[in-house]
N, C-alpha and C. Protein backbone atom coordinates (compact mmCIF):
# COMPACT_ATOMS: atom_id res chain seq x y z
N MET A 1 114.95 110.42 91.49
CA MET A 1 115.67 110.78 92.62
C MET A 1 114.84 110.67 93.89
N LEU A 2 113.63 110.73 93.82
CA LEU A 2 112.59 110.79 94.89
C LEU A 2 112.80 109.45 95.64
N ASP A 3 113.04 108.45 95.08
CA ASP A 3 113.07 107.12 95.60
C ASP A 3 114.57 106.94 96.55
N LEU A 4 115.36 107.98 96.53
CA LEU A 4 116.55 107.97 97.29
C LEU A 4 116.36 108.75 98.49
N LEU A 5 115.43 109.64 98.69
CA LEU A 5 115.28 110.49 99.70
C LEU A 5 114.56 109.73 100.89
N ALA A 6 114.99 109.86 102.10
CA ALA A 6 114.22 109.35 103.33
C ALA A 6 114.12 110.38 104.34
N CYS A 7 113.07 110.31 105.11
CA CYS A 7 113.01 111.16 106.27
C CYS A 7 114.02 111.12 107.15
N PRO A 8 114.76 112.33 107.60
CA PRO A 8 115.90 112.26 108.40
C PRO A 8 115.59 112.02 109.81
N MET A 9 114.31 112.11 110.22
CA MET A 9 113.99 111.51 111.62
C MET A 9 113.69 110.10 111.87
N ASP A 10 112.95 109.36 110.94
CA ASP A 10 112.58 108.03 111.10
C ASP A 10 113.06 107.33 110.05
N LYS A 11 113.82 107.77 108.96
CA LYS A 11 114.37 106.98 107.81
C LYS A 11 113.43 106.39 106.96
N HIS A 12 112.01 106.73 107.10
CA HIS A 12 110.92 106.17 106.24
C HIS A 12 111.04 106.72 104.77
N TYR A 13 110.81 105.92 103.88
CA TYR A 13 110.78 106.44 102.56
C TYR A 13 109.86 105.36 101.73
N PRO A 14 109.28 105.78 100.58
CA PRO A 14 109.69 106.96 100.07
C PRO A 14 108.76 108.15 100.62
N LEU A 15 109.14 109.39 100.36
CA LEU A 15 108.34 110.45 100.77
C LEU A 15 107.47 110.83 99.74
N GLU A 16 106.17 111.42 100.30
CA GLU A 16 105.21 111.76 99.27
C GLU A 16 105.58 113.20 98.86
N LEU A 17 105.43 113.41 97.62
CA LEU A 17 105.75 114.77 96.87
C LEU A 17 104.50 115.48 96.57
N PHE A 18 104.50 116.77 96.96
CA PHE A 18 103.35 117.74 96.51
C PHE A 18 104.16 118.84 95.73
N GLU A 19 103.79 118.92 94.58
CA GLU A 19 104.37 120.13 93.71
C GLU A 19 103.60 121.26 93.90
N ILE A 20 104.27 122.44 94.05
CA ILE A 20 103.54 123.63 94.28
C ILE A 20 103.78 124.69 93.14
N ASN A 21 105.08 124.87 92.78
CA ASN A 21 105.53 125.69 91.71
C ASN A 21 106.38 124.98 90.79
N THR A 22 106.05 124.78 89.43
CA THR A 22 107.04 124.06 88.61
C THR A 22 107.31 124.87 87.38
N LYS A 23 108.19 124.29 86.48
CA LYS A 23 108.55 124.74 85.28
C LYS A 23 108.94 123.64 84.32
N GLU A 24 108.88 123.79 82.97
CA GLU A 24 109.50 122.86 82.06
C GLU A 24 110.87 123.27 81.75
N ASP A 25 111.64 122.28 81.50
CA ASP A 25 113.06 122.54 81.06
C ASP A 25 113.03 122.40 79.39
N LYS A 26 114.05 122.64 78.72
CA LYS A 26 114.07 122.55 77.23
C LYS A 26 113.74 121.11 76.76
N ASP A 27 113.99 120.16 77.50
CA ASP A 27 113.48 118.60 77.13
C ASP A 27 112.20 118.29 77.64
N ASP A 28 111.30 119.34 78.24
CA ASP A 28 109.99 119.06 78.39
C ASP A 28 109.80 118.42 79.74
N ASP A 29 110.82 118.24 80.47
CA ASP A 29 110.90 117.69 81.87
C ASP A 29 110.47 118.65 82.98
N ILE A 30 109.71 118.22 83.83
CA ILE A 30 109.15 119.10 85.03
C ILE A 30 110.25 119.33 86.03
N ILE A 31 110.42 120.49 86.35
CA ILE A 31 111.40 120.90 87.39
C ILE A 31 110.45 121.52 88.59
N ILE A 32 110.62 120.99 89.69
CA ILE A 32 109.87 121.48 90.82
C ILE A 32 110.71 122.57 91.34
N ILE A 33 110.13 123.88 91.34
CA ILE A 33 110.76 125.00 92.03
C ILE A 33 110.40 125.03 93.52
N ASP A 34 109.05 124.92 93.88
CA ASP A 34 108.63 124.92 95.20
C ASP A 34 107.78 123.79 95.40
N GLY A 35 107.83 123.14 96.60
CA GLY A 35 107.06 121.93 96.77
C GLY A 35 107.32 121.46 98.32
N ILE A 36 106.77 120.33 98.51
CA ILE A 36 106.77 119.81 99.84
C ILE A 36 106.95 118.24 99.57
N LEU A 37 107.94 117.71 100.60
CA LEU A 37 108.17 116.28 100.74
C LEU A 37 107.43 115.98 102.09
N PHE A 38 106.70 114.91 102.06
CA PHE A 38 106.03 114.80 103.32
C PHE A 38 106.15 113.08 103.72
N CYS A 39 106.59 112.98 104.97
CA CYS A 39 106.72 111.64 105.62
C CYS A 39 105.45 111.09 106.02
N THR A 40 104.84 110.20 105.48
CA THR A 40 103.70 109.50 105.77
C THR A 40 103.64 108.68 107.07
N GLN A 41 104.80 108.58 107.73
CA GLN A 41 104.96 107.84 108.90
C GLN A 41 104.90 108.78 109.99
N CYS A 42 105.81 109.87 110.05
CA CYS A 42 105.86 110.74 111.15
C CYS A 42 105.18 112.09 111.06
N TYR A 43 104.68 112.27 109.76
CA TYR A 43 103.90 113.48 109.41
C TYR A 43 104.77 114.81 109.29
N ARG A 44 106.09 114.61 109.11
CA ARG A 44 106.96 115.72 108.98
C ARG A 44 107.00 116.15 107.55
N PHE A 45 106.96 117.46 107.28
CA PHE A 45 107.00 117.96 105.98
C PHE A 45 108.50 118.71 105.94
N TYR A 46 108.94 118.64 104.70
CA TYR A 46 110.24 119.09 104.35
C TYR A 46 110.03 120.03 102.99
N PRO A 47 110.19 121.28 103.21
CA PRO A 47 109.94 122.25 101.96
C PRO A 47 111.09 121.88 100.84
N ILE A 48 110.58 122.29 99.64
CA ILE A 48 111.42 122.19 98.56
C ILE A 48 111.36 124.00 98.17
N ILE A 49 112.64 124.45 98.30
CA ILE A 49 112.63 125.93 97.92
C ILE A 49 113.71 126.15 96.95
N ASP A 50 113.32 126.88 95.83
CA ASP A 50 114.27 127.02 94.82
C ASP A 50 114.94 125.80 94.20
N GLU A 51 114.14 124.85 94.04
CA GLU A 51 114.56 123.51 93.52
C GLU A 51 115.43 122.61 94.58
N ILE A 52 115.54 123.15 95.58
CA ILE A 52 116.37 122.42 96.69
C ILE A 52 115.58 121.86 97.83
N PRO A 53 115.54 120.53 98.07
CA PRO A 53 114.79 119.98 99.25
C PRO A 53 115.51 120.34 100.56
N VAL A 54 114.84 120.82 101.48
CA VAL A 54 115.55 121.08 102.79
C VAL A 54 115.12 119.98 103.75
N LEU A 55 115.87 119.18 103.74
CA LEU A 55 115.81 117.85 104.61
C LEU A 55 116.61 117.92 105.94
N LEU A 56 116.17 118.78 106.86
CA LEU A 56 116.91 118.93 107.99
C LEU A 56 116.19 118.26 109.14
N PRO A 57 116.82 117.69 110.19
CA PRO A 57 116.06 117.28 111.44
C PRO A 57 115.57 118.36 112.22
N ASP A 58 114.61 118.20 113.08
CA ASP A 58 113.91 119.24 113.83
C ASP A 58 114.81 120.15 114.42
N GLU A 59 115.96 119.84 114.97
CA GLU A 59 116.67 120.62 115.79
C GLU A 59 117.59 121.74 114.99
N LEU A 60 117.56 121.40 113.67
CA LEU A 60 118.34 122.37 112.76
C LEU A 60 117.25 123.24 111.98
N ARG A 61 116.11 123.01 112.01
CA ARG A 61 114.98 123.78 111.31
C ARG A 61 114.67 125.07 112.01
N GLU A 62 114.36 126.02 111.04
CA GLU A 62 114.08 127.37 111.48
C GLU A 62 112.55 127.59 111.40
N LYS A 63 111.87 127.52 112.68
CA LYS A 63 110.44 127.55 112.72
C LYS A 63 109.88 128.78 111.97
N LYS A 64 110.39 129.99 112.06
CA LYS A 64 109.92 131.05 111.34
C LYS A 64 109.88 130.84 109.84
N LYS A 65 110.97 130.35 109.24
CA LYS A 65 111.12 130.05 107.87
C LYS A 65 110.03 129.05 107.42
N ASP A 66 109.88 128.07 108.14
CA ASP A 66 108.86 126.84 107.66
C ASP A 66 107.51 127.43 107.86
N ILE A 67 107.14 128.21 108.81
CA ILE A 67 105.83 128.86 109.06
C ILE A 67 105.66 129.68 107.83
N GLY A 68 106.47 130.50 107.59
CA GLY A 68 106.40 131.43 106.36
C GLY A 68 106.13 130.81 105.08
N PHE A 69 106.90 129.69 104.86
CA PHE A 69 106.69 128.84 103.70
C PHE A 69 105.27 128.24 103.60
N LEU A 70 104.78 127.67 104.69
CA LEU A 70 103.45 127.20 104.79
C LEU A 70 102.44 128.48 104.68
N GLN A 71 102.57 129.67 105.16
CA GLN A 71 101.60 130.65 104.94
C GLN A 71 101.79 131.08 103.47
N LYS A 72 102.96 131.21 102.94
CA LYS A 72 103.07 131.65 101.46
C LYS A 72 102.12 130.88 100.55
N TRP A 73 102.44 129.54 100.64
CA TRP A 73 101.69 128.53 99.81
C TRP A 73 100.48 127.90 100.36
N HIS A 74 99.89 128.44 101.31
CA HIS A 74 98.56 127.98 102.11
C HIS A 74 97.70 127.31 101.19
N ASP A 75 97.34 128.09 100.06
CA ASP A 75 96.35 127.65 99.21
C ASP A 75 96.58 126.45 98.35
N LYS A 76 97.85 126.03 98.26
CA LYS A 76 98.35 125.05 97.38
C LYS A 76 98.80 123.86 98.07
N ILE A 77 98.81 123.89 99.45
CA ILE A 77 99.37 122.78 100.32
C ILE A 77 98.28 121.98 100.80
N PRO A 78 98.38 120.65 100.77
CA PRO A 78 97.25 119.73 101.09
C PRO A 78 97.04 120.04 102.67
N ILE A 79 95.83 119.87 102.98
CA ILE A 79 95.23 120.19 104.35
C ILE A 79 95.88 119.23 105.41
N LYS A 80 96.29 118.07 105.10
CA LYS A 80 96.98 117.21 106.21
C LYS A 80 98.30 117.86 106.45
N VAL A 81 99.08 118.56 105.66
CA VAL A 81 100.30 119.18 105.98
C VAL A 81 100.02 120.44 106.69
N ILE A 82 98.93 121.23 106.28
CA ILE A 82 98.68 122.54 107.16
C ILE A 82 98.28 122.09 108.61
N ASN A 83 97.40 121.19 108.78
CA ASN A 83 96.73 120.81 110.01
C ASN A 83 97.58 119.89 110.79
N GLN A 84 98.43 119.00 110.30
CA GLN A 84 99.10 117.98 111.09
C GLN A 84 100.56 117.91 110.89
N GLY A 85 101.17 118.67 109.90
CA GLY A 85 102.43 118.76 109.67
C GLY A 85 103.44 118.88 110.74
N ASN A 86 104.36 118.00 111.07
CA ASN A 86 105.41 118.18 112.02
C ASN A 86 106.68 118.83 111.52
N PRO A 87 107.46 119.34 112.16
CA PRO A 87 107.47 119.48 113.54
C PRO A 87 106.42 120.66 114.17
N TRP A 88 105.90 121.44 113.27
CA TRP A 88 104.83 122.33 113.60
C TRP A 88 103.89 122.60 112.44
N HIS A 89 102.81 123.11 112.59
CA HIS A 89 101.82 123.20 111.55
C HIS A 89 101.05 124.57 111.98
N LEU A 90 100.28 124.98 110.93
CA LEU A 90 99.53 126.31 111.11
C LEU A 90 98.22 126.09 112.00
């Protein structure tokens, strides 16, 4: 499914996936509970929360929620997302 997702801001795909919190289902498939989709063209990050990718354009994003997500998973998020991720970073 990752091949179908594109950045809502610049339409770039594929997005880079960073798995943070995963589990295996009964068929031993990996399910991503929490993670990040990252656009390598515009450096925007999109959180995956409770298995759902939140692919919203900048004007519909909640800065407080995004910053909270980055702070919660700070130790597991790549440095390029922490330092350069758009629309904001830590």
